[in-house]
C-alpha atoms as a PDB file:
ATOM      1  CA  MET A   1      -0.011   0.005  -0.093  1.00  0.00           C
ATOM      2  CA  THR A   2       1.278   3.437  -0.914  1.00  0.00           C
ATOM      3  CA  SER A   3       0.551   6.869   0.732  1.00  0.00           C
ATOM      4  CA  PRO A   4       0.667  10.464  -0.431  1.00  0.00           C
ATOM      5  CA  GLY A   5       4.160  10.896   0.827  1.00  0.00           C
ATOM      6  CA  GLY A   6       5.348   8.257  -1.476  1.00  0.00           C
ATOM      7  CA  PRO A   7       5.687   4.435  -1.681  1.00  0.00           C
ATOM      8  CA  GLY A   8       6.761   2.327   1.083  1.00  0.00           C
ATOM      9  CA  PRO A   9       5.324   0.177   4.089  1.00  0.00           C
ATOM     10  CA  GLN A  10       2.595   1.107   6.495  1.00  0.00           C
ATOM     11  CA  TRP A  11       4.131   4.435   7.615  1.00  0.00           C
ATOM     12  CA  GLY A  12       1.798   4.886  10.588  1.00  0.00           C
ATOM     13  CA  ARG A  13       3.699   2.135  12.410  1.00  0.00           C
ATOM     14  CA  MET A  14       6.996   3.998  12.009  1.00  0.00           C
ATOM     15  CA  SER A  15       8.727   5.707  15.069  1.00  0.00           C
ATOM     16  CA  PRO A  16       7.915   9.415  14.706  1.00  0.00           C
ATOM     17  CA  SER A  17      11.485  10.555  14.756  1.00  0.00           C
ATOM     18  CA  ARG A  18      12.891   7.866  12.506  1.00  0.00           C
ATOM     19  CA  SER A  19      13.609   8.204   8.899  1.00  0.00           C
ATOM     20  CA  VAL A  20      13.272   5.249   6.640  1.00  0.00           C
ATOM     21  CA  SER A  21      15.563   6.651   3.999  1.00  0.00           C
ATOM     22  CA  ARG A  22      19.075   7.918   4.061  1.00  0.00           C
ATOM     23  CA  SER A  23      17.795  11.590   4.033  1.00  0.00           C
ATOM     24  CA  PHE A  24      18.221  13.609   7.093  1.00  0.00           C
ATOM     25  CA  ARG A  25      15.121  14.536   9.229  1.00  0.00           C
ATOM     26  CA  GLY A  26      14.000  18.157   8.506  1.00  0.00           C
ATOM     27  CA  PHE A  27      14.442  20.835  11.102  1.00  0.00           C
ATOM     28  CA  ILE A  28      11.681  21.035  13.931  1.00  0.00           C
ATOM     29  CA  VAL A  29      10.975  24.503  14.860  1.00  0.00           C
ATOM     30  CA  PRO A  30       8.948  25.330  17.915  1.00  0.00           C
ATOM     31  CA  ILE A  31       8.273  29.148  18.380  1.00  0.00           C
ATOM     32  CA  GLY A  32       7.155  30.912  21.576  1.00  0.00           C
ATOM     33  CA  GLY A  33       4.477  32.959  19.966  1.00  0.00           C
ATOM     34  CA  ALA A  34       4.235  36.563  18.710  1.00  0.00           C
ATOM     35  CA  GLU A  35       6.755  35.862  15.890  1.00  0.00           C
ATOM     36  CA  ASP A  36       4.488  37.586  13.467  1.00  0.00           C
ATOM     37  CA  LYS A  37       4.264  41.003  15.254  1.00  0.00           C
ATOM     38  CA  LEU A  38       7.691  42.532  14.523  1.00  0.00           C
ATOM     39  CA  ALA A  39       8.768  43.985  11.196  1.00  0.00           C
ATOM     40  CA  ASP A  40      11.955  42.037  10.888  1.00  0.00           C
ATOM     41  CA  ARG A  41      10.334  38.623  11.373  1.00  0.00           C
ATOM     42  CA  THR A  42      13.746  36.954  11.835  1.00  0.00           C
ATOM     43  CA  ILE A  43      12.314  33.580  12.832  1.00  0.00           C
ATOM     44  CA  LEU A  44       9.831  33.423   9.777  1.00  0.00           C
ATOM     45  CA  ARG A  45      12.697  34.467   7.521  1.00  0.00           C
ATOM     46  CA  ARG A  46      14.779  31.577   8.721  1.00  0.00           C
ATOM     47  CA  PHE A  47      12.009  29.108   8.362  1.00  0.00           C
ATOM     48  CA  VAL A  48      11.428  30.249   4.888  1.00  0.00           C
ATOM     49  CA  GLU A  49      15.073  29.854   3.941  1.00  0.00           C
ATOM     50  CA  LEU A  50      15.026  26.176   5.373  1.00  0.00           C
ATOM     51  CA  ALA A  51      11.966  25.508   3.291  1.00  0.00           C
ATOM     52  CA  GLY A  52      13.483  26.723  -0.059  1.00  0.00           C
ATOM     53  CA  GLY A  53      13.457  30.519  -0.027  1.00  0.00           C
ATOM     54  CA  ARG A  54      11.338  32.005  -2.934  1.00  0.00           C
ATOM     55  CA  ASP A  55      10.789  28.479  -4.216  1.00  0.00           C
ATOM     56  CA  ALA A  56       9.339  27.159  -0.966  1.00  0.00           C
ATOM     57  CA  ARG A  57       5.747  25.654  -0.848  1.00  0.00           C
ATOM     58  CA  ILE A  58       4.456  26.410   2.575  1.00  0.00           C
ATOM     59  CA  ALA A  59       1.414  24.396   3.914  1.00  0.00           C
ATOM     60  CA  ILE A  60      -0.225  26.355   6.812  1.00  0.00           C
ATOM     61  CA  VAL A  61      -2.388  24.400   9.356  1.00  0.00           C
ATOM     62  CA  PRO A  62      -4.509  27.058  11.102  1.00  0.00           C
ATOM     63  CA  THR A  63      -6.530  24.309  13.092  1.00  0.00           C
ATOM     64  CA  ALA A  64      -5.606  25.584  16.584  1.00  0.00           C
ATOM     65  CA  SER A  65      -7.073  28.939  16.065  1.00  0.00           C
ATOM     66  CA  GLU A  66     -10.653  30.029  16.299  1.00  0.00           C
ATOM     67  CA  GLN A  67      -9.988  33.064  14.252  1.00  0.00           C
ATOM     68  CA  PRO A  68     -11.207  32.656  10.709  1.00  0.00           C
ATOM     69  CA  ASP A  69      -8.684  34.887   9.214  1.00  0.00           C
ATOM     70  CA  THR A  70      -5.469  33.327  10.860  1.00  0.00           C
ATOM     71  CA  GLY A  71      -4.620  31.239   7.810  1.00  0.00           C
ATOM     72  CA  ALA A  72      -5.042  34.059   5.525  1.00  0.00           C
ATOM     73  CA  ASN A  73      -3.013  36.296   7.533  1.00  0.00           C
ATOM     74  CA  TYR A  74       0.046  33.832   7.671  1.00  0.00           C
ATOM     75  CA  GLU A  75      -0.542  33.407   3.705  1.00  0.00           C
ATOM     76  CA  ARG A  76      -0.037  37.093   3.307  1.00  0.00           C
ATOM     77  CA  ILE A  77       3.005  37.216   5.731  1.00  0.00           C
ATOM     78  CA  PHE A  78       4.774  34.499   3.752  1.00  0.00           C
ATOM     79  CA  ARG A  79       4.146  36.135   0.502  1.00  0.00           C
ATOM     80  CA  ASP A  80       5.414  39.320   1.955  1.00  0.00           C
ATOM     81  CA  LEU A  81       8.631  37.363   2.699  1.00  0.00           C
ATOM     82  CA  GLY A  82       8.896  36.307  -0.980  1.00  0.00           C
ATOM     83  CA  VAL A  83       7.471  32.789  -0.865  1.00  0.00           C
ATOM     84  CA  TRP A  84       6.179  31.652  -4.125  1.00  0.00           C
ATOM     85  CA  SER A  85       3.392  29.392  -2.771  1.00  0.00           C
ATOM     86  CA  ALA A  86       1.812  29.593   0.816  1.00  0.00           C
ATOM     87  CA  ARG A  87      -1.482  27.967   1.226  1.00  0.00           C
ATOM     88  CA  SER A  88      -3.631  27.677   4.454  1.00  0.00           C
ATOM     89  CA  LEU A  89      -5.243  24.206   4.673  1.00  0.00           C
ATOM     90  CA  PRO A  90      -8.929  23.969   5.486  1.00  0.00           C
ATOM     91  CA  ILE A  91      -8.608  21.534   8.394  1.00  0.00           C
ATOM     92  CA  GLU A  92     -11.531  22.089  10.707  1.00  0.00           C
ATOM     93  CA  HIS A  93     -12.824  18.524  11.437  1.00  0.00           C
ATOM     94  CA  ARG A  94     -11.244  15.129  11.387  1.00  0.00           C
ATOM     95  CA  LEU A  95     -12.737  14.121   8.163  1.00  0.00           C
ATOM     96  CA  ASP A  96     -10.857  17.138   6.626  1.00  0.00           C
ATOM     97  CA  CYS A  97      -7.528  15.265   7.586  1.00  0.00           C
ATOM     98  CA  GLU A  98      -8.441  12.466   5.105  1.00  0.00           C
ATOM     99  CA  ARG A  99      -9.302  14.742   2.138  1.00  0.00           C
ATOM    100  CA  PRO A 100      -7.034  14.093  -1.045  1.00  0.00           C
ATOM    101  CA  THR A 101      -6.641  17.835  -1.529  1.00  0.00           C
ATOM    102  CA  VAL A 102      -5.234  18.494   2.007  1.00  0.00           C
ATOM    103  CA  LEU A 103      -2.933  15.316   1.744  1.00  0.00           C
ATOM    104  CA  GLU A 104      -1.654  16.531  -1.704  1.00  0.00           C
ATOM    105  CA  GLU A 105      -0.796  19.867  -0.236  1.00  0.00           C
ATOM    106  CA  LEU A 106       1.091  18.380   2.721  1.00  0.00           C
ATOM    107  CA  ALA A 107       2.751  15.857   0.438  1.00  0.00           C
ATOM    108  CA  SER A 108       4.197  18.429  -1.799  1.00  0.00           C
ATOM    109  CA  ALA A 109       5.099  21.089   0.899  1.00  0.00           C
ATOM    110  CA  THR A 110       8.716  21.976   1.520  1.00  0.00           C
ATOM    111  CA  GLY A 111       7.749  23.687   4.866  1.00  0.00           C
ATOM    112  CA  ILE A 112       4.866  23.006   7.176  1.00  0.00           C
ATOM    113  CA  PHE A 113       3.621  25.668   9.637  1.00  0.00           C
ATOM    114  CA  LEU A 114       1.320  24.961  12.631  1.00  0.00           C
ATOM    115  CA  THR A 115      -0.437  28.341  13.874  1.00  0.00           C
ATOM    116  CA  GLY A 116      -1.243  29.168  17.431  1.00  0.00           C
ATOM    117  CA  GLY A 117      -4.541  29.026  19.328  1.00  0.00           C
ATOM    118  CA  ASN A 118      -5.565  26.037  21.458  1.00  0.00           C
ATOM    119  CA  GLN A 119      -3.336  23.003  21.231  1.00  0.00           C
ATOM    120  CA  LEU A 120      -6.326  20.697  22.117  1.00  0.00           C
ATOM    121  CA  ARG A 121      -8.007  21.691  18.903  1.00  0.00           C
ATOM    122  CA  LEU A 122      -4.949  20.206  17.227  1.00  0.00           C
ATOM    123  CA  THR A 123      -4.841  16.975  19.086  1.00  0.00           C
ATOM    124  CA  THR A 124      -8.567  16.331  18.870  1.00  0.00           C
ATOM    125  CA  THR A 125      -8.719  17.206  15.071  1.00  0.00           C
ATOM    126  CA  LEU A 126      -5.412  15.747  13.746  1.00  0.00           C
ATOM    127  CA  GLY A 127      -4.439  13.149  16.292  1.00  0.00           C
ATOM    128  CA  GLY A 128      -4.337   9.700  14.679  1.00  0.00           C
ATOM    129  CA  THR A 129      -5.303  10.841  11.261  1.00  0.00           C
ATOM    130  CA  GLU A 130      -3.577  10.453   7.961  1.00  0.00           C
ATOM    131  CA  ALA A 131      -2.717  14.186   7.917  1.00  0.00           C
ATOM    132  CA  ALA A 132      -0.759  13.667  11.213  1.00  0.00           C
ATOM    133  CA  ARG A 133       0.875  10.622   9.827  1.00  0.00           C
ATOM    134  CA  LEU A 134       1.961  12.439   6.601  1.00  0.00           C
ATOM    135  CA  ILE A 135       3.361  15.476   8.507  1.00  0.00           C
ATOM    136  CA  ARG A 136       5.716  13.016  10.484  1.00  0.00           C
ATOM    137  CA  ARG A 137       6.731  11.290   7.137  1.00  0.00           C
ATOM    138  CA  ARG A 138       7.468  14.596   5.551  1.00  0.00           C
ATOM    139  CA  ASN A 139       9.571  15.738   8.495  1.00  0.00           C
ATOM    140  CA  ALA A 140      11.435  12.276   8.497  1.00  0.00           C
ATOM    141  CA  ALA A 141      12.082  12.794   4.806  1.00  0.00           C
ATOM    142  CA  GLY A 142      13.738  16.409   5.306  1.00  0.00           C
ATOM    143  CA  VAL A 143      10.764  18.942   5.369  1.00  0.00           C
ATOM    144  CA  VAL A 144      10.954  21.571   7.973  1.00  0.00           C
ATOM    145  CA  VAL A 145       8.059  21.726  10.289  1.00  0.00           C
ATOM    146  CA  ALA A 146       7.472  24.642  12.587  1.00  0.00           C
ATOM    147  CA  GLY A 147       4.739  25.538  15.073  1.00  0.00           C
ATOM    148  CA  THR A 148       3.972  28.779  17.052  1.00  0.00           C
ATOM    149  CA  SER A 149       2.444  29.081  20.542  1.00  0.00           C
ATOM    150  CA  ALA A 150      -0.036  26.078  20.601  1.00  0.00           C
ATOM    151  CA  GLY A 151       1.494  24.722  17.353  1.00  0.00           C
ATOM    152  CA  ALA A 152       4.825  24.612  19.157  1.00  0.00           C
ATOM    153  CA  SER A 153       3.517  22.586  22.201  1.00  0.00           C
ATOM    154  CA  PHE A 154       1.884  20.147  19.730  1.00  0.00           C
ATOM    155  CA  ILE A 155       5.148  19.338  17.812  1.00  0.00           C
ATOM    156  CA  SER A 156       6.617  16.947  20.553  1.00  0.00           C
ATOM    157  CA  GLU A 157       5.422  13.538  21.580  1.00  0.00           C
ATOM    158  CA  HIS A 158       4.561  14.666  25.025  1.00  0.00           C
ATOM    159  CA  MET A 159       2.479  17.793  25.038  1.00  0.00           C
ATOM    160  CA  ILE A 160       1.766  20.353  27.790  1.00  0.00           C
ATOM    161  CA  ALA A 161      -2.067  20.806  27.254  1.00  0.00           C
ATOM    162  CA  GLY A 162      -2.626  23.485  29.906  1.00  0.00           C
ATOM    163  CA  GLY A 163      -2.011  24.305  33.486  1.00  0.00           C
ATOM    164  CA  ASP A 164      -1.553  26.992  36.115  1.00  0.00           C
ATOM    165  CA  GLU A 165       0.902  29.924  36.190  1.00  0.00           C
ATOM    166  CA  GLY A 166       3.632  30.234  38.787  1.00  0.00           C
ATOM    167  CA  GLY A 167       7.333  29.647  39.390  1.00  0.00           C
ATOM    168  CA  THR A 168       7.087  26.748  41.793  1.00  0.00           C
ATOM    169  CA  PRO A 169       6.109  23.226  40.550  1.00  0.00           C
ATOM    170  CA  ARG A 170       2.902  21.936  42.203  1.00  0.00           C
ATOM    171  CA  ALA A 171       1.151  18.617  41.972  1.00  0.00           C
ATOM    172  CA  ALA A 172      -1.712  18.709  39.362  1.00  0.00           C
ATOM    173  CA  MET A 173      -0.663  22.219  38.086  1.00  0.00           C
ATOM    174  CA  VAL A 174       0.034  20.858  34.522  1.00  0.00           C
ATOM    175  CA  ARG A 175      -2.131  18.729  32.169  1.00  0.00           C
ATOM    176  CA  LEU A 176      -0.427  16.482  29.614  1.00  0.00           C
ATOM    177  CA  ALA A 177      -1.640  14.892  26.455  1.00  0.00           C
ATOM    178  CA  ALA A 178      -0.194  13.161  23.387  1.00  0.00           C
ATOM    179  CA  GLY A 179       1.188  15.453  20.730  1.00  0.00           C
ATOM    180  CA  LEU A 180       2.230  15.205  17.131  1.00  0.00           C
ATOM    181  CA  GLY A 181       5.351  13.088  17.975  1.00  0.00           C
ATOM    182  CA  LEU A 182       7.957  14.688  15.696  1.00  0.00           C
ATOM    183  CA  THR A 183      10.436  14.108  18.536  1.00  0.00           C
ATOM    184  CA  ASN A 184      10.361  12.514  22.090  1.00  0.00           C
ATOM    185  CA  LYS A 185      13.412  14.286  23.194  1.00  0.00           C
ATOM    186  CA  VAL A 186      11.719  17.529  24.324  1.00  0.00           C
ATOM    187  CA  ILE A 187       8.535  18.912  25.954  1.00  0.00           C
ATOM    188  CA  ILE A 188       7.756  22.403  25.152  1.00  0.00           C
ATOM    189  CA  ASP A 189       5.996  25.303  26.790  1.00  0.00           C
ATOM    190  CA  GLN A 190       5.509  28.803  25.190  1.00  0.00           C
ATOM    191  CA  HIS A 191       4.860  32.493  26.049  1.00  0.00           C
ATOM    192  CA  PHE A 192       7.082  31.232  28.829  1.00  0.00           C
ATOM    193  CA  ARG A 193       8.583  34.132  30.675  1.00  0.00           C
ATOM    194  CA  GLN A 194       5.547  36.397  29.627  1.00  0.00           C
ATOM    195  CA  ARG A 195       3.158  34.006  31.386  1.00  0.00           C
ATOM    196  CA  ASP A 196       5.265  32.718  34.263  1.00  0.00           C
ATOM    197  CA  ARG A 197       5.170  29.086  33.176  1.00  0.00           C
ATOM    198  CA  LEU A 198       8.300  27.641  34.937  1.00  0.00           C
ATOM    199  CA  GLY A 199       6.347  25.870  37.496  1.00  0.00           C
ATOM    200  CA  ARG A 200       4.353  23.934  35.065  1.00  0.00           C
ATOM    201  CA  LEU A 201       7.318  22.950  32.956  1.00  0.00           C
ATOM    202  CA  LEU A 202       9.143  21.620  36.030  1.00  0.00           C
ATOM    203  CA  ALA A 203       5.910  19.829  37.168  1.00  0.00           C
ATOM    204  CA  ALA A 204       5.805  18.033  33.763  1.00  0.00           C
ATOM    205  CA  LEU A 205       9.327  16.894  34.231  1.00  0.00           C
ATOM    206  CA  ALA A 206       8.740  15.869  37.811  1.00  0.00           C
ATOM    207  CA  TYR A 207       6.328  13.233  36.332  1.00  0.00           C
ATOM    208  CA  ASN A 208       8.899  11.905  33.972  1.00  0.00           C
ATOM    209  CA  PRO A 209      12.516  13.548  33.509  1.00  0.00           C
ATOM    210  CA  PHE A 210      13.283  11.705  30.290  1.00  0.00           C
ATOM    211  CA  PRO A 211      12.682  14.707  27.771  1.00  0.00           C
ATOM    212  CA  VAL A 212      14.429  18.070  27.958  1.00  0.00           C
ATOM    213  CA  GLY A 213      12.041  20.940  28.850  1.00  0.00           C
ATOM    214  CA  LEU A 214      12.002  23.887  26.586  1.00  0.00           C
ATOM    215  CA  GLY A 215      10.525  27.112  27.650  1.00  0.00           C
ATOM    216  CA  LEU A 216      10.173  29.527  24.767  1.00  0.00           C
ATOM    217  CA  ASP A 217       9.635  33.217  25.301  1.00  0.00           C
ATOM    218  CA  GLU A 218       7.718  35.103  22.703  1.00  0.00           C
ATOM    219  CA  ASP A 219       9.451  35.959  19.370  1.00  0.00           C
ATOM    220  CA  THR A 220      11.923  33.298  20.171  1.00  0.00           C
ATOM    221  CA  ALA A 221      12.444  29.988  18.553  1.00  0.00           C
ATOM    222  CA  ALA A 222      14.333  26.721  19.017  1.00  0.00           C
ATOM    223  CA  PHE A 223      15.657  25.473  15.597  1.00  0.00           C
ATOM    224  CA  ILE A 224      16.197  21.718  16.287  1.00  0.00           C
ATOM    225  CA  GLY A 225      18.455  20.309  13.594  1.00  0.00           C
ATOM    226  CA  PRO A 226      18.716  16.881  12.232  1.00  0.00           C
ATOM    227  CA  ASP A 227      21.637  16.323  14.493  1.00  0.00           C
ATOM    228  CA  ASN A 228      19.497  17.230  17.578  1.00  0.00           C
ATOM    229  CA  VAL A 229      21.295  20.409  18.266  1.00  0.00           C
ATOM    230  CA  ILE A 230      19.165  23.463  19.043  1.00  0.00           C
ATOM    231  CA  GLU A 231      20.022  26.871  17.834  1.00  0.00           C
ATOM    232  CA  VAL A 232      18.121  29.811  19.590  1.00  0.00           C
ATOM    233  CA  VAL A 233      16.789  32.488  17.141  1.00  0.00           C
ATOM    234  CA  GLY A 234      14.725  35.584  17.974  1.00  0.00           C
ATOM    235  CA  LYS A 235      14.543  38.520  20.418  1.00  0.00           C
ATOM    236  CA  GLU A 236      14.255  36.969  23.885  1.00  0.00           C
ATOM    237  CA  ALA A 237      15.347  33.689  25.577  1.00  0.00           C
ATOM    238  CA  LEU A 238      14.969  29.874  25.644  1.00  0.00           C
ATOM    239  CA  THR A 239      15.001  28.345  29.019  1.00  0.00           C
ATOM    240  CA  VAL A 240      16.353  24.772  28.998  1.00  0.00           C
ATOM    241  CA  VAL A 241      15.440  22.434  31.897  1.00  0.00           C
ATOM    242  CA  ASP A 242      17.438  19.381  32.004  1.00  0.00           C
ATOM    243  CA  ALA A 243      16.100  16.799  34.662  1.00  0.00           C
ATOM    244  CA  SER A 244      18.124  13.807  33.421  1.00  0.00           C
ATOM    245  CA  GLN A 245      20.266  13.802  36.450  1.00  0.00           C
ATOM    246  CA  LEU A 246      17.179  14.315  38.816  1.00  0.00           C
ATOM    247  CA  THR A 247      17.745  12.529  42.152  1.00  0.00           C
ATOM    248  CA  TYR A 248      14.430  12.944  43.757  1.00  0.00           C
ATOM    249  CA  SER A 249      10.883  14.002  42.879  1.00  0.00           C
ATOM    250  CA  ALA A 250       8.099  14.283  45.386  1.00  0.00           C
ATOM    251  CA  MET A 251       5.313  14.271  42.729  1.00  0.00           C
ATOM    252  CA  GLY A 252       4.000  10.915  43.791  1.00  0.00           C
ATOM    253  CA  ARG A 253       3.914  11.786  47.382  1.00  0.00           C
ATOM    254  CA  VAL A 254       2.114  15.024  47.537  1.00  0.00           C
ATOM    255  CA  ALA A 255      -1.545  16.073  47.265  1.00  0.00           C
ATOM    256  CA  ASP A 256      -3.025  18.208  44.375  1.00  0.00           C
ATOM    257  CA  GLY A 257      -1.808  21.799  44.783  1.00  0.00           C
ATOM    258  CA  GLU A 258       0.934  21.223  47.047  1.00  0.00           C
ATOM    259  CA  PRO A 259       4.617  22.236  46.028  1.00  0.00           C
ATOM    260  CA  VAL A 260       6.833  19.565  44.770  1.00  0.00           C
ATOM    261  CA  SER A 261      10.292  19.130  45.683  1.00  0.00           C
ATOM    262  CA  MET A 262      12.828  18.290  42.942  1.00  0.00           C
ATOM    263  CA  LEU A 263      16.628  17.732  43.452  1.00  0.00           C
ATOM    264  CA  ASN A 264      19.469  18.039  41.019  1.00  0.00           C
ATOM    265  CA  VAL A 265      17.691  19.806  38.204  1.00  0.00           C
ATOM    266  CA  ARG A 266      19.819  21.898  35.763  1.00  0.00           C
ATOM    267  CA  LEU A 267      18.679  24.963  34.183  1.00  0.00           C
ATOM    268  CA  HIS A 268      20.088  27.138  31.228  1.00  0.00           C
ATOM    269  CA  VAL A 269      18.943  30.352  29.814  1.00  0.00           C
ATOM    270  CA  LEU A 270      20.016  30.853  26.183  1.00  0.00           C
ATOM    271  CA  VAL A 271      19.552  33.804  23.901  1.00  0.00           C
ATOM    272  CA  ALA A 272      20.050  34.297  20.108  1.00  0.00           C
ATOM    273  CA  GLY A 273      22.968  32.169  18.901  1.00  0.00           C
ATOM    274  CA  GLY A 274      22.980  29.882  21.950  1.00  0.00           C
ATOM    275  CA  ARG A 275      22.966  26.089  21.496  1.00  0.00           C
ATOM    276  CA  PHE A 276      22.046  22.944  23.274  1.00  0.00           C
ATOM    277  CA  ASN A 277      22.888  19.537  22.342  1.00  0.00           C
ATOM    278  CA  LEU A 278      20.090  17.136  23.070  1.00  0.00           C
ATOM    279  CA  GLU A 279      22.201  14.151  22.881  1.00  0.00           C
ATOM    280  CA  THR A 280      24.964  15.111  25.163  1.00  0.00           C
ATOM    281  CA  ARG A 281      23.039  17.673  27.243  1.00  0.00           C
ATOM    282  CA  GLU A 282      25.656  20.299  26.904  1.00  0.00           C
ATOM    283  CA  ALA A 283      24.725  23.967  26.530  1.00  0.00           C
ATOM    284  CA  PHE A 284      26.746  26.625  24.706  1.00  0.00           C
ATOM    285  CA  ALA A 285      26.345  30.405  24.987  1.00  0.00           C
ATOM    286  CA  GLU A 286      26.174  32.515  21.937  1.00  0.00           C
ATOM    287  CA  GLU A 287      30.017  33.007  21.914  1.00  0.00           C
ATOM    288  CA  GLY A 288      30.754  29.353  23.220  1.00  0.00           C
ATOM    289  CA  PRO A 289      32.868  26.653  21.683  1.00  0.00           C
ATOM    290  CA  LEU A 290      30.045  25.145  19.456  1.00  0.00           C
ATOM    291  CA  ALA A 291      29.333  28.564  17.876  1.00  0.00           C
ATOM    292  CA  VAL A 292      33.072  29.217  17.303  1.00  0.00           C
ATOM    293  CA  ASP A 293      33.471  25.742  15.612  1.00  0.00           C
ATOM    294  CA  ALA A 294      30.531  26.486  13.401  1.00  0.00           C
ATOM    295  CA  GLU A 295      32.194  29.714  12.322  1.00  0.00           C
ATOM    296  CA  ALA A 296      35.441  27.986  11.650  1.00  0.00           C
ATOM    297  CA  ALA A 297      33.788  25.286   9.490  1.00  0.00           C
ATOM    298  CA  GLU A 298      32.104  27.980   7.539  1.00  0.00           C
ATOM    299  CA  GLU A 299      35.319  29.793   6.896  1.00  0.00           C
ATOM    300  CA  GLU A 300      36.876  26.391   5.627  1.00  0.00           C
ATOM    301  CA  ARG A 301      33.980  26.036   3.046  1.00  0.00           C
END
């Protein structure tokens, strides 16, 4: 059986982050929101470059938004950035995710962009559908996939679906759900510093410290490369919470609403140019060794 993404086996059984070909996985780009508000639009320009520049074909998934003009607004933004083809896909119901016209647009896209809104609208509409499987296949084959705000949360396998504000982790302050599954290495929160969301990101990691927590400020993005190295792009900061060396979590011992003790959690704050290696769990400032090595490699080319 074949699929709109090309010939092959039953793709839905494939690990989300695994590519069945020799091509590299595409970039995964969670954005903290408000990236469309400023004139320079640095993040969106970088996304467009990765998608092919003027020759890019951008498929916009506005499903998370309840505003009817969200898709059209992003079509205009991408055209203003010089993109030849940017189309908003009419995905409002689960049946829309199986329509040939929608699947054809996703199959031919060189960049896929998930807008903001309510991430539960994304999970309940796209979850388990052919459209979701196709987005994973396209990313595994090298297509860049970006999501802003709710779209950013939806990108990972484990998704923050909602929760309370505050800097201290508390039991039951965060709600989790299954996400799109492009990667299982991170769990993402957005509008991070603006909405005081450190506590709920810590709470999510207190349940299970396997993924790295990424707290994205507005107009800030984490460009996760095929090598699983993150580069920070944008005006504000990325907060990285690494609980891989966690020695104690009280999450299973306290009542709902009570503060949760967590021991041996590492936290990094990275600004534009900063990097974090998801494989080695090493952080580099914008002037750190990894950045210097990248510049040297560019000079050699």
